[in-house]
Amino acid sequence: MKKEDAAFSAPFTLTASRDDYCHAFVVYFDIVFSCCHKPIHFSTGPRAKYTHWKQTIFYLDQVLALKKGEVIRGTLSSKPNEKNPRDLDIVLTYEFDGVKSQAKA
């Protein structure tokens, strides 16, 4: 991995699988260390085997009322913190234009 690979921006799309409310986004990662004598893979996902790494929760300022099939679109951007390279500066933006609620953050 190169230093510049640590900063990234990725679009995302989430489709509601049922009528419900969205209070937060839960973010996790899967990783593979493939340049080892024995490749290592693990996930921090909620259904994966336990590791000391955890998911991250981004609470929303406004609860979203979702109808099945409605879509939330956004972007997650991450970069190393300038003062502490072990910290990350993360920005999550999203847009939602639903029947019961709308949001842009």
N, C-alpha and C. Protein backbone atom coordinates (compact mmCIF):
# COMPACT_ATOMS: atom_id res chain seq x y z
N MET A 1 0.85 -1.18 0.00
CA MET A 1 0.00 0.00 0.00
C MET A 1 0.88 1.23 0.00
N LYS A 2 0.53 2.18 -0.83
CA LYS A 2 1.24 3.45 -0.87
C LYS A 2 0.54 4.45 0.05
N LYS A 3 1.29 5.42 0.53
CA LYS A 3 0.73 6.42 1.45
C LYS A 3 -0.51 7.09 0.87
N GLU A 4 -0.48 7.41 -0.42
CA GLU A 4 -1.62 8.09 -1.03
C GLU A 4 -2.87 7.20 -1.13
N ASP A 5 -2.69 5.89 -1.00
CA ASP A 5 -3.84 4.98 -1.02
C ASP A 5 -4.67 5.08 0.26
N ALA A 6 -4.12 5.68 1.30
CA ALA A 6 -4.82 5.79 2.58
C ALA A 6 -5.96 6.81 2.53
N ALA A 7 -5.92 7.69 1.55
CA ALA A 7 -7.00 8.67 1.37
C ALA A 7 -7.87 8.21 0.20
N PHE A 8 -9.18 8.19 0.43
CA PHE A 8 -10.08 7.74 -0.64
C PHE A 8 -11.46 8.37 -0.46
N SER A 9 -12.22 8.29 -1.52
CA SER A 9 -13.61 8.72 -1.51
C SER A 9 -14.39 7.68 -2.30
N ALA A 10 -15.50 7.20 -1.73
CA ALA A 10 -16.27 6.14 -2.38
C ALA A 10 -17.76 6.46 -2.33
N PRO A 11 -18.43 6.43 -3.48
CA PRO A 11 -19.87 6.62 -3.49
C PRO A 11 -20.57 5.37 -2.96
N PHE A 12 -21.78 5.56 -2.41
CA PHE A 12 -22.57 4.41 -1.97
C PHE A 12 -24.04 4.64 -2.27
N THR A 13 -24.76 3.55 -2.39
CA THR A 13 -26.20 3.55 -2.59
C THR A 13 -26.80 2.51 -1.66
N LEU A 14 -27.80 2.91 -0.89
CA LEU A 14 -28.50 1.99 0.02
C LEU A 14 -29.98 1.98 -0.36
N THR A 15 -30.53 0.79 -0.56
CA THR A 15 -31.93 0.64 -0.92
C THR A 15 -32.68 0.02 0.26
N ALA A 16 -33.76 0.67 0.68
CA ALA A 16 -34.55 0.17 1.81
C ALA A 16 -35.19 -1.17 1.45
N SER A 17 -34.98 -2.16 2.30
CA SER A 17 -35.56 -3.49 2.06
C SER A 17 -36.95 -3.63 2.69
N ARG A 18 -37.35 -2.62 3.47
CA ARG A 18 -38.68 -2.61 4.09
C ARG A 18 -39.00 -1.18 4.54
N ASP A 19 -40.24 -0.92 4.86
CA ASP A 19 -40.62 0.37 5.45
C ASP A 19 -40.02 0.42 6.85
N ASP A 20 -39.27 1.48 7.14
CA ASP A 20 -38.64 1.57 8.47
C ASP A 20 -38.04 2.96 8.64
N TYR A 21 -37.36 3.15 9.76
CA TYR A 21 -36.69 4.41 10.06
C TYR A 21 -35.19 4.18 10.09
N CYS A 22 -34.44 5.17 9.59
CA CYS A 22 -32.97 5.10 9.60
C CYS A 22 -32.46 6.19 10.54
N HIS A 23 -31.78 5.77 11.60
CA HIS A 23 -31.23 6.69 12.59
C HIS A 23 -29.73 6.92 12.42
N ALA A 24 -29.07 5.98 11.71
CA ALA A 24 -27.61 6.04 11.62
C ALA A 24 -27.13 5.15 10.48
N PHE A 25 -25.88 5.36 10.09
CA PHE A 25 -25.19 4.46 9.16
C PHE A 25 -24.15 3.70 9.97
N VAL A 26 -24.05 2.41 9.73
CA VAL A 26 -23.03 1.58 10.36
C VAL A 26 -22.00 1.23 9.28
N VAL A 27 -20.74 1.51 9.56
CA VAL A 27 -19.67 1.31 8.58
C VAL A 27 -18.68 0.28 9.11
N TYR A 28 -18.26 -0.62 8.23
CA TYR A 28 -17.26 -1.63 8.59
C TYR A 28 -16.39 -1.91 7.38
N PHE A 29 -15.33 -2.68 7.57
CA PHE A 29 -14.47 -3.00 6.44
C PHE A 29 -14.10 -4.47 6.42
N ASP A 30 -13.79 -4.94 5.22
CA ASP A 30 -13.22 -6.26 4.99
C ASP A 30 -11.82 -6.02 4.43
N ILE A 31 -10.87 -6.85 4.80
CA ILE A 31 -9.50 -6.65 4.36
C ILE A 31 -8.82 -7.98 4.05
N VAL A 32 -7.92 -7.94 3.07
CA VAL A 32 -7.12 -9.11 2.72
C VAL A 32 -5.66 -8.67 2.67
N PHE A 33 -4.81 -9.35 3.42
CA PHE A 33 -3.36 -9.17 3.32
C PHE A 33 -2.88 -10.31 2.44
N SER A 34 -2.69 -10.02 1.15
CA SER A 34 -2.42 -11.08 0.18
C SER A 34 -0.95 -11.26 -0.15
N CYS A 35 -0.10 -10.34 0.24
CA CYS A 35 1.33 -10.45 -0.08
C CYS A 35 2.10 -11.11 1.05
N CYS A 36 1.50 -12.05 1.72
CA CYS A 36 2.13 -12.78 2.82
C CYS A 36 2.33 -14.22 2.37
N HIS A 37 3.13 -14.97 3.13
CA HIS A 37 3.29 -16.39 2.79
C HIS A 37 1.97 -17.13 2.94
N LYS A 38 1.11 -16.65 3.84
CA LYS A 38 -0.24 -17.21 4.00
C LYS A 38 -1.21 -16.02 4.04
N PRO A 39 -1.99 -15.81 2.96
CA PRO A 39 -2.91 -14.67 2.94
C PRO A 39 -3.85 -14.67 4.15
N ILE A 40 -4.12 -13.47 4.64
CA ILE A 40 -4.98 -13.29 5.80
C ILE A 40 -6.17 -12.43 5.39
N HIS A 41 -7.36 -12.86 5.76
CA HIS A 41 -8.58 -12.11 5.48
C HIS A 41 -9.40 -11.99 6.76
N PHE A 42 -9.92 -10.81 7.01
CA PHE A 42 -10.90 -10.68 8.08
C PHE A 42 -11.86 -9.54 7.78
N SER A 43 -12.96 -9.54 8.50
CA SER A 43 -14.00 -8.55 8.34
C SER A 43 -14.36 -7.98 9.70
N THR A 44 -14.74 -6.72 9.72
CA THR A 44 -15.27 -6.12 10.94
C THR A 44 -16.79 -6.03 10.87
N GLY A 45 -17.37 -6.71 9.90
CA GLY A 45 -18.81 -6.70 9.70
C GLY A 45 -19.57 -7.29 10.87
N PRO A 46 -20.82 -6.92 11.02
CA PRO A 46 -21.62 -7.36 12.16
C PRO A 46 -21.89 -8.87 12.19
N ARG A 47 -21.76 -9.55 11.06
CA ARG A 47 -22.00 -11.00 11.02
C ARG A 47 -20.70 -11.80 10.93
N ALA A 48 -19.57 -11.12 11.01
CA ALA A 48 -18.27 -11.79 10.88
C ALA A 48 -17.77 -12.26 12.24
N LYS A 49 -16.76 -13.11 12.19
CA LYS A 49 -16.12 -13.60 13.41
C LYS A 49 -15.54 -12.40 14.18
N TYR A 50 -15.61 -12.45 15.49
CA TYR A 50 -15.18 -11.35 16.36
C TYR A 50 -13.69 -11.02 16.16
N THR A 51 -13.38 -9.74 16.08
CA THR A 51 -12.00 -9.23 16.14
C THR A 51 -12.01 -8.07 17.13
N HIS A 52 -10.83 -7.53 17.43
CA HIS A 52 -10.81 -6.37 18.33
C HIS A 52 -11.24 -5.09 17.60
N TRP A 53 -11.32 -5.14 16.27
CA TRP A 53 -11.82 -4.01 15.49
C TRP A 53 -13.34 -4.00 15.58
N LYS A 54 -13.93 -2.85 15.50
CA LYS A 54 -15.38 -2.71 15.62
C LYS A 54 -15.95 -1.94 14.43
N GLN A 55 -17.27 -1.92 14.35
CA GLN A 55 -17.95 -1.09 13.37
C GLN A 55 -17.93 0.35 13.89
N THR A 56 -18.18 1.29 12.98
CA THR A 56 -18.30 2.70 13.34
C THR A 56 -19.72 3.13 13.03
N ILE A 57 -20.31 3.90 13.93
CA ILE A 57 -21.68 4.36 13.75
C ILE A 57 -21.68 5.87 13.51
N PHE A 58 -22.36 6.29 12.45
CA PHE A 58 -22.55 7.70 12.13
C PHE A 58 -24.03 8.02 12.35
N TYR A 59 -24.34 8.67 13.47
CA TYR A 59 -25.73 9.03 13.76
C TYR A 59 -26.17 10.19 12.87
N LEU A 60 -27.40 10.15 12.42
CA LEU A 60 -27.94 11.19 11.55
C LEU A 60 -28.55 12.31 12.39
N ASP A 61 -28.47 13.54 11.89
CA ASP A 61 -29.10 14.68 12.57
C ASP A 61 -30.62 14.57 12.50
N GLN A 62 -31.11 13.95 11.44
CA GLN A 62 -32.55 13.82 11.20
C GLN A 62 -32.86 12.35 10.91
N VAL A 63 -33.84 11.79 11.60
CA VAL A 63 -34.26 10.41 11.34
C VAL A 63 -34.95 10.37 9.97
N LEU A 64 -34.60 9.38 9.16
CA LEU A 64 -35.20 9.23 7.84
C LEU A 64 -36.32 8.20 7.89
N ALA A 65 -37.49 8.55 7.39
CA ALA A 65 -38.61 7.61 7.27
C ALA A 65 -38.53 7.01 5.87
N LEU A 66 -38.21 5.72 5.81
CA LEU A 66 -37.99 5.05 4.53
C LEU A 66 -39.16 4.16 4.15
N LYS A 67 -39.48 4.17 2.87
CA LYS A 67 -40.44 3.22 2.31
C LYS A 67 -39.62 2.19 1.52
N LYS A 68 -40.10 0.95 1.50
CA LYS A 68 -39.41 -0.12 0.79
C LYS A 68 -39.09 0.32 -0.64
N GLY A 69 -37.83 0.12 -1.05
CA GLY A 69 -37.40 0.47 -2.40
C GLY A 69 -36.79 1.85 -2.54
N GLU A 70 -37.00 2.74 -1.55
CA GLU A 70 -36.40 4.07 -1.64
C GLU A 70 -34.89 3.98 -1.45
N VAL A 71 -34.18 4.96 -2.01
CA VAL A 71 -32.72 4.89 -2.09
C VAL A 71 -32.08 6.09 -1.40
N ILE A 72 -31.05 5.80 -0.62
CA ILE A 72 -30.17 6.82 -0.04
C ILE A 72 -28.88 6.78 -0.85
N ARG A 73 -28.43 7.94 -1.32
CA ARG A 73 -27.18 8.01 -2.07
C ARG A 73 -26.21 8.92 -1.32
N GLY A 74 -24.94 8.54 -1.34
CA GLY A 74 -23.97 9.36 -0.64
C GLY A 74 -22.55 9.04 -1.01
N THR A 75 -21.64 9.66 -0.27
CA THR A 75 -20.21 9.46 -0.46
C THR A 75 -19.54 9.40 0.90
N LEU A 76 -18.62 8.46 1.04
CA LEU A 76 -17.80 8.35 2.25
C LEU A 76 -16.37 8.69 1.84
N SER A 77 -15.79 9.69 2.49
CA SER A 77 -14.41 10.10 2.23
C SER A 77 -13.59 9.92 3.50
N SER A 78 -12.38 9.42 3.33
CA SER A 78 -11.50 9.16 4.48
C SER A 78 -10.07 9.54 4.13
N LYS A 79 -9.39 10.12 5.11
CA LYS A 79 -7.96 10.43 4.93
C LYS A 79 -7.29 10.41 6.29
N PRO A 80 -5.98 10.13 6.32
CA PRO A 80 -5.26 10.16 7.60
C PRO A 80 -5.27 11.57 8.18
N ASN A 81 -5.40 11.65 9.50
CA ASN A 81 -5.34 12.92 10.20
C ASN A 81 -3.93 13.49 10.08
N GLU A 82 -3.81 14.80 9.86
CA GLU A 82 -2.50 15.41 9.66
C GLU A 82 -1.64 15.38 10.92
N LYS A 83 -2.24 15.49 12.11
CA LYS A 83 -1.47 15.52 13.34
C LYS A 83 -1.18 14.13 13.89
N ASN A 84 -2.10 13.19 13.70
CA ASN A 84 -1.92 11.83 14.21
C ASN A 84 -2.24 10.85 13.08
N PRO A 85 -1.22 10.26 12.46
CA PRO A 85 -1.45 9.37 11.32
C PRO A 85 -2.22 8.09 11.65
N ARG A 86 -2.40 7.80 12.94
CA ARG A 86 -3.20 6.63 13.33
C ARG A 86 -4.70 6.97 13.39
N ASP A 87 -5.02 8.25 13.32
CA ASP A 87 -6.41 8.70 13.30
C ASP A 87 -6.86 8.93 11.86
N LEU A 88 -8.16 8.86 11.65
CA LEU A 88 -8.73 9.13 10.34
C LEU A 88 -9.71 10.29 10.42
N ASP A 89 -9.71 11.11 9.39
CA ASP A 89 -10.72 12.15 9.23
C ASP A 89 -11.72 11.61 8.20
N ILE A 90 -12.95 11.41 8.63
CA ILE A 90 -13.97 10.79 7.78
C ILE A 90 -15.12 11.78 7.58
N VAL A 91 -15.54 11.90 6.34
CA VAL A 91 -16.68 12.75 5.99
C VAL A 91 -17.70 11.87 5.27
N LEU A 92 -18.94 11.89 5.74
CA LEU A 92 -20.01 11.13 5.12
C LEU A 92 -21.09 12.12 4.70
N THR A 93 -21.38 12.16 3.40
CA THR A 93 -22.46 13.00 2.90
C THR A 93 -23.51 12.10 2.27
N TYR A 94 -24.77 12.55 2.30
CA TYR A 94 -25.83 11.74 1.71
C TYR A 94 -27.01 12.61 1.29
N GLU A 95 -27.82 12.05 0.40
CA GLU A 95 -29.06 12.67 -0.04
C GLU A 95 -30.16 11.63 -0.02
N PHE A 96 -31.35 12.05 0.40
CA PHE A 96 -32.50 11.16 0.42
C PHE A 96 -33.73 11.97 0.06
N ASP A 97 -34.51 11.49 -0.91
CA ASP A 97 -35.73 12.16 -1.34
C ASP A 97 -36.86 11.13 -1.32
N GLY A 98 -37.39 10.89 -0.13
CA GLY A 98 -38.42 9.88 0.03
C GLY A 98 -39.82 10.45 0.06
N VAL A 99 -40.79 9.57 0.13
CA VAL A 99 -42.20 9.96 0.20
C VAL A 99 -42.49 10.66 1.52
N LYS A 100 -41.95 10.11 2.63
CA LYS A 100 -42.26 10.64 3.97
C LYS A 100 -41.23 11.63 4.50
N SER A 101 -40.00 11.60 3.98
CA SER A 101 -38.97 12.52 4.46
C SER A 101 -37.92 12.75 3.38
N GLN A 102 -37.23 13.88 3.52
CA GLN A 102 -36.14 14.24 2.62
C GLN A 102 -34.98 14.74 3.47
N ALA A 103 -33.78 14.55 2.96
CA ALA A 103 -32.61 15.04 3.70
C ALA A 103 -31.43 15.19 2.76
N LYS A 104 -30.57 16.12 3.12
CA LYS A 104 -29.30 16.31 2.42
C LYS A 104 -28.31 16.76 3.48
N ALA A 105 -27.27 15.98 3.65
CA ALA A 105 -26.28 16.32 4.69
C ALA A 105 -24.89 15.96 4.21
